[in-house]
C-alpha atoms as a PDB file:
ATOM      1  CA  MET A   1     101.288 103.997  43.095  1.00  0.00           C
ATOM      2  CA  LEU A   2     103.860 101.253  42.969  1.00  0.00           C
ATOM      3  CA  ARG A   3     105.640 102.940  45.428  1.00  0.00           C
ATOM      4  CA  LEU A   4     102.514 103.059  47.949  1.00  0.00           C
ATOM      5  CA  ILE A   5     102.244  99.339  47.888  1.00  0.00           C
ATOM      6  CA  PRO A   6     105.443  98.546  49.580  1.00  0.00           C
ATOM      7  CA  ALA A   7     104.608 101.454  52.102  1.00  0.00           C
ATOM      8  CA  LEU A   8     101.362  99.689  53.364  1.00  0.00           C
ATOM      9  CA  ALA A   9     102.642  96.204  52.986  1.00  0.00           C
ATOM     10  CA  VAL A  10     105.556  97.480  55.907  1.00  0.00           C
ATOM     11  CA  LEU A  11     103.032  99.091  57.783  1.00  0.00           C
ATOM     12  CA  PHE A  12     100.380  96.306  57.730  1.00  0.00           C
ATOM     13  CA  PHE A  13     102.510  93.179  57.959  1.00  0.00           C
ATOM     14  CA  ASN A  14     105.004  94.386  59.985  1.00  0.00           C
ATOM     15  CA  PRO A  15     104.902  92.235  63.469  1.00  0.00           C
ATOM     16  CA  ILE A  16     105.723  95.574  65.350  1.00  0.00           C
ATOM     17  CA  SER A  17     103.309  97.772  64.088  1.00  0.00           C
ATOM     18  CA  GLY A  18     102.106 100.897  65.919  1.00  0.00           C
ATOM     19  CA  VAL A  19      98.721  99.019  67.582  1.00  0.00           C
ATOM     20  CA  ASP A  20     101.390  96.501  69.224  1.00  0.00           C
ATOM     21  CA  GLN A  21     103.668  99.227  70.672  1.00  0.00           C
ATOM     22  CA  ASP A  22     100.752 101.131  71.973  1.00  0.00           C
ATOM     23  CA  SER A  23      99.428  98.043  74.000  1.00  0.00           C
ATOM     24  CA  ARG A  24     103.103  97.660  75.704  1.00  0.00           C
ATOM     25  CA  VAL A  25     102.460  99.102  79.124  1.00  0.00           C
ATOM     26  CA  MET A  26     105.691 100.061  80.675  1.00  0.00           C
ATOM     27  CA  ARG A  27     104.964 102.597  83.735  1.00  0.00           C
ATOM     28  CA  LEU A  28     102.115 102.874  85.890  1.00  0.00           C
ATOM     29  CA  ARG A  29     100.952 106.341  84.356  1.00  0.00           C
ATOM     30  CA  ASP A  30     100.169 103.955  80.784  1.00  0.00           C
ATOM     31  CA  VAL A  31      97.663 101.818  82.457  1.00  0.00           C
ATOM     32  CA  ASN A  32      93.909 102.801  81.629  1.00  0.00           C
ATOM     33  CA  THR A  33      92.127  99.354  81.679  1.00  0.00           C
ATOM     34  CA  VAL A  34      92.916  97.133  84.837  1.00  0.00           C
ATOM     35  CA  TYR A  35      91.327  93.371  85.834  1.00  0.00           C
ATOM     36  CA  VAL A  36      90.831  92.703  89.456  1.00  0.00           C
ATOM     37  CA  ALA A  37      91.914  89.001  89.686  1.00  0.00           C
ATOM     38  CA  GLU A  38      89.947  86.733  91.756  1.00  0.00           C
ATOM     39  CA  LEU A  39      91.469  87.047  95.389  1.00  0.00           C
ATOM     40  CA  GLY A  40      89.530  83.901  96.736  1.00  0.00           C
ATOM     41  CA  SER A  41      86.849  81.707  97.245  1.00  0.00           C
ATOM     42  CA  SER A  42      85.902  82.904 100.907  1.00  0.00           C
ATOM     43  CA  ALA A  43      83.304  85.570 101.581  1.00  0.00           C
ATOM     44  CA  LYS A  44      85.859  87.531 102.820  1.00  0.00           C
ATOM     45  CA  ALA A  45      88.265  87.445  99.697  1.00  0.00           C
ATOM     46  CA  ARG A  46      84.795  88.062  97.512  1.00  0.00           C
ATOM     47  CA  ALA A  47      84.075  91.335  99.447  1.00  0.00           C
ATOM     48  CA  LEU A  48      87.938  92.628  99.242  1.00  0.00           C
ATOM     49  CA  ARG A  49      87.439  92.248  95.155  1.00  0.00           C
ATOM     50  CA  GLN A  50      84.153  93.713  94.853  1.00  0.00           C
ATOM     51  CA  GLU A  51      85.082  96.784  97.103  1.00  0.00           C
ATOM     52  CA  ILE A  52      88.266  97.045  94.658  1.00  0.00           C
ATOM     53  CA  ILE A  53      85.795  96.837  91.683  1.00  0.00           C
ATOM     54  CA  ARG A  54      83.625  99.503  93.149  1.00  0.00           C
ATOM     55  CA  THR A  55      86.240 102.022  94.433  1.00  0.00           C
ATOM     56  CA  LEU A  56      87.835 101.774  90.829  1.00  0.00           C
ATOM     57  CA  SER A  57      84.867 102.137  88.751  1.00  0.00           C
ATOM     58  CA  ALA A  58      83.671 104.944  91.080  1.00  0.00           C
ATOM     59  CA  SER A  59      86.970 106.713  90.091  1.00  0.00           C
ATOM     60  CA  LYS A  60      86.804 107.179  86.309  1.00  0.00           C
ATOM     61  CA  GLN A  61      90.631 107.182  86.255  1.00  0.00           C
ATOM     62  CA  ILE A  62      90.674 103.706  85.441  1.00  0.00           C
ATOM     63  CA  ARG A  63      88.445 101.168  83.428  1.00  0.00           C
ATOM     64  CA  LEU A  64      87.822  97.817  84.467  1.00  0.00           C
ATOM     65  CA  ALA A  65      87.972  95.098  81.959  1.00  0.00           C
ATOM     66  CA  ALA A  66      85.943  91.588  82.201  1.00  0.00           C
ATOM     67  CA  LYS A  67      88.921  89.628  81.223  1.00  0.00           C
ATOM     68  CA  PRO A  68      92.666  89.811  81.828  1.00  0.00           C
ATOM     69  CA  GLU A  69      93.586  89.520  78.229  1.00  0.00           C
ATOM     70  CA  LEU A  70      91.424  92.792  77.810  1.00  0.00           C
ATOM     71  CA  ALA A  71      93.361  94.754  80.363  1.00  0.00           C
ATOM     72  CA  ASP A  72      96.373  96.991  80.138  1.00  0.00           C
ATOM     73  CA  ALA A  73      97.303  95.230  83.672  1.00  0.00           C
ATOM     74  CA  VAL A  74      96.257  92.480  86.168  1.00  0.00           C
ATOM     75  CA  LEU A  75      95.722  93.634  90.270  1.00  0.00           C
ATOM     76  CA  ASN A  76      96.091  90.400  92.217  1.00  0.00           C
ATOM     77  CA  VAL A  77      96.762  89.706  95.837  1.00  0.00           C
ATOM     78  CA  ASP A  78      99.783  87.659  97.676  1.00  0.00           C
ATOM     79  CA  VAL A  79      99.723  86.865 101.290  1.00  0.00           C
ATOM     80  CA  LYS A  80     102.676  86.291 102.856  1.00  0.00           C
ATOM     81  CA  ARG A  81     102.223  84.503 105.904  1.00  0.00           C
ATOM     82  CA  GLY A  82     105.395  84.734 109.077  1.00  0.00           C
ATOM     83  CA  SER A  83     105.548  85.368 112.646  1.00  0.00           C
ATOM     84  CA  LYS A  84     106.864  87.961 115.087  1.00  0.00           C
ATOM     85  CA  ASN A  85     107.748  87.893 118.657  1.00  0.00           C
ATOM     86  CA  THR A  86     105.527  89.989 120.980  1.00  0.00           C
ATOM     87  CA  ASP A  87     105.714  90.710 124.584  1.00  0.00           C
ATOM     88  CA  TRP A  88     103.378  89.775 126.860  1.00  0.00           C
ATOM     89  CA  THR A  89     102.646  89.691 131.257  1.00  0.00           C
ATOM     90  CA  PHE A  90     101.876  86.544 132.806  1.00  0.00           C
ATOM     91  CA  GLU A  91     101.557  85.451 136.212  1.00  0.00           C
ATOM     92  CA  ASN A  92     103.177  81.846 137.663  1.00  0.00           C
ATOM     93  CA  PHE A  93     100.685  79.593 139.161  1.00  0.00           C
ATOM     94  CA  GLY A  94     100.869  80.095 142.580  1.00  0.00           C
ATOM     95  CA  SER A  95     102.516  83.666 142.485  1.00  0.00           C
ATOM     96  CA  HIS A  96     100.622  86.939 142.473  1.00  0.00           C
ATOM     97  CA  GLU A  97     103.742  88.892 140.549  1.00  0.00           C
ATOM     98  CA  MET A  98     103.332  89.679 137.079  1.00  0.00           C
ATOM     99  CA  LYS A  99     106.444  88.794 134.667  1.00  0.00           C
ATOM    100  CA  VAL A 100     107.042  89.720 131.262  1.00  0.00           C
ATOM    101  CA  GLY A 101     107.836  87.506 128.390  1.00  0.00           C
ATOM    102  CA  THR A 102     107.844  86.660 124.609  1.00  0.00           C
ATOM    103  CA  ARG A 103     105.844  84.545 122.565  1.00  0.00           C
ATOM    104  CA  VAL A 104     105.488  83.978 118.631  1.00  0.00           C
ATOM    105  CA  VAL A 105     102.622  85.079 117.202  1.00  0.00           C
ATOM    106  CA  PRO A 106     101.792  84.712 113.482  1.00  0.00           C
ATOM    107  CA  THR A 107     101.417  86.975 111.106  1.00  0.00           C
ATOM    108  CA  ALA A 108      99.823  88.173 107.564  1.00  0.00           C
ATOM    109  CA  GLU A 109     100.502  90.490 105.050  1.00  0.00           C
ATOM    110  CA  LEU A 110      98.910  91.173 102.116  1.00  0.00           C
ATOM    111  CA  LEU A 111     101.008  92.441  99.062  1.00  0.00           C
ATOM    112  CA  PHE A 112      98.933  93.659  96.196  1.00  0.00           C
ATOM    113  CA  ARG A 113     100.757  94.062  92.718  1.00  0.00           C
ATOM    114  CA  LEU A 114      99.716  95.292  89.412  1.00  0.00           C
ATOM    115  CA  HIS A 115     101.390  93.521  86.586  1.00  0.00           C
ATOM    116  CA  SER A 116     101.462  94.621  83.010  1.00  0.00           C
ATOM    117  CA  GLN A 117     100.614  92.113  80.036  1.00  0.00           C
ATOM    118  CA  GLN A 118     104.473  91.785  79.903  1.00  0.00           C
ATOM    119  CA  ASN A 119     104.576  90.846  83.338  1.00  0.00           C
ATOM    120  CA  LEU A 120     106.312  94.107  84.707  1.00  0.00           C
ATOM    121  CA  THR A 121     105.384  94.998  88.106  1.00  0.00           C
ATOM    122  CA  LEU A 122     103.700  98.491  88.130  1.00  0.00           C
ATOM    123  CA  TRP A 123     102.846  98.905  91.594  1.00  0.00           C
ATOM    124  CA  ALA A 124     102.677  97.025  94.637  1.00  0.00           C
ATOM    125  CA  GLY A 125     101.008  97.819  98.167  1.00  0.00           C
ATOM    126  CA  LYS A 126     101.564  95.981 101.771  1.00  0.00           C
ATOM    127  CA  PHE A 127      98.731  95.920 103.921  1.00  0.00           C
ATOM    128  CA  ASP A 128      98.597  94.425 107.185  1.00  0.00           C
ATOM    129  CA  PRO A 129      94.913  92.824 107.506  1.00  0.00           C
ATOM    130  CA  GLU A 130      95.369  93.404 111.420  1.00  0.00           C
ATOM    131  CA  GLY A 131      95.093  97.088 110.807  1.00  0.00           C
ATOM    132  CA  PHE A 132      91.452  97.186 109.652  1.00  0.00           C
ATOM    133  CA  SER A 133      88.665  96.905 111.666  1.00  0.00           C
ATOM    134  CA  GLY A 134      84.775  96.414 110.970  1.00  0.00           C
ATOM    135  CA  ARG A 135      81.441  94.713 112.670  1.00  0.00           C
ATOM    136  CA  ASP A 136      82.227  91.568 110.562  1.00  0.00           C
ATOM    137  CA  GLU A 137      84.695  90.169 108.471  1.00  0.00           C
ATOM    138  CA  LYS A 138      83.255  91.491 105.368  1.00  0.00           C
ATOM    139  CA  GLN A 139      83.408  95.011 106.771  1.00  0.00           C
ATOM    140  CA  VAL A 140      87.011  94.641 107.250  1.00  0.00           C
ATOM    141  CA  ALA A 141      87.814  93.531 103.660  1.00  0.00           C
ATOM    142  CA  ARG A 142      85.344  95.965 102.382  1.00  0.00           C
ATOM    143  CA  ASN A 143      87.788  98.567 104.439  1.00  0.00           C
ATOM    144  CA  LEU A 144      90.970  97.068 103.182  1.00  0.00           C
ATOM    145  CA  GLY A 145      89.887  97.339  99.442  1.00  0.00           C
ATOM    146  CA  ASN A 146      88.765 100.848 100.082  1.00  0.00           C
ATOM    147  CA  SER A 147      91.922 101.886 101.834  1.00  0.00           C
ATOM    148  CA  MET A 148      93.997  99.737  98.989  1.00  0.00           C
ATOM    149  CA  SER A 149      92.068 101.352  96.352  1.00  0.00           C
ATOM    150  CA  ARG A 150      92.566 104.911  97.396  1.00  0.00           C
ATOM    151  CA  ARG A 151      96.232 104.171  97.768  1.00  0.00           C
ATOM    152  CA  PHE A 152      96.396 102.656  94.038  1.00  0.00           C
ATOM    153  CA  LEU A 153      94.450 105.455  92.657  1.00  0.00           C
ATOM    154  CA  LYS A 154      96.488 108.244  94.041  1.00  0.00           C
ATOM    155  CA  ALA A 155      99.584 106.497  92.718  1.00  0.00           C
ATOM    156  CA  VAL A 156      98.110 106.464  89.263  1.00  0.00           C
ATOM    157  CA  GLU A 157      97.375 110.196  89.783  1.00  0.00           C
ATOM    158  CA  THR A 158     101.129 110.859  91.009  1.00  0.00           C
ATOM    159  CA  ASP A 159     102.362 108.967  88.079  1.00  0.00           C
ATOM    160  CA  ARG A 160     100.425 110.736  85.463  1.00  0.00           C
ATOM    161  CA  LYS A 161     101.328 114.389  86.778  1.00  0.00           C
ATOM    162  CA  LYS A 162     105.021 113.251  86.355  1.00  0.00           C
ATOM    163  CA  ARG A 163     104.654 113.621  82.596  1.00  0.00           C
END
């Protein structure tokens, strides 16, 4: 009996107990619960978040958490703004001849990232919001969210098969 007490003390009072080790998510295949962070306050951002939540919860591969501290990982999005040169045709005033030139146009890229509680990036996906269409901004956001969710779930499935 006296030998059992030190063994139990080590088990229960060790700061790196089995529970803490299990909560360390190091790979995408280890993720069971995800918190989808607020993506913004606009109607488009809310529609995007709702579509991601709807698609992930319907998949049965990932459980959703109500708070970030209850999840294995947090999914968020960053907007990367930039510019690019594009060709365009124009006509000089008084001339009927068409010319080709370049102009600078703004661009935006959405970078979705899944971070573990240890702040490791487990998955990332880039999306060009201009590549999605719909009858209004909310529909575009839903199409984007659906596409992002499907790509994420495919990555989870592929990583879990690697075991």
